[in-house]
């Protein structure tokens, strides 16, 4: 979550910087409003793109972790089945086994 907070902080700082730069520029009010609207749209698009990239990264991480967990589960099941079979074989071959 540290990366998302950093990203949000960076985007907020960039937005404040852009707005401050536009407001202090010597332009007519209508030109300033147009610039603010344009920059706001650009910033909104940038934030949406960054957020979508972040979500896609989370999805990829989750998918990879899920696949790893499934593989580990399959390996554990196979090992348990093998150990169980070996134990059965060992018990069936022991001449002193009273359970045969």
Foldseek 3Di string as FASTA:
>chain_A
DVVVVVVVVVLVVVLVVQLVVLVPDPDDPVVSVVSNVVVVVVSVVVVVVVVVVVVVVVVVVVVVVVVVVVVVVVVVVVVVVVVVVVVVVVLVPDPPRPVD
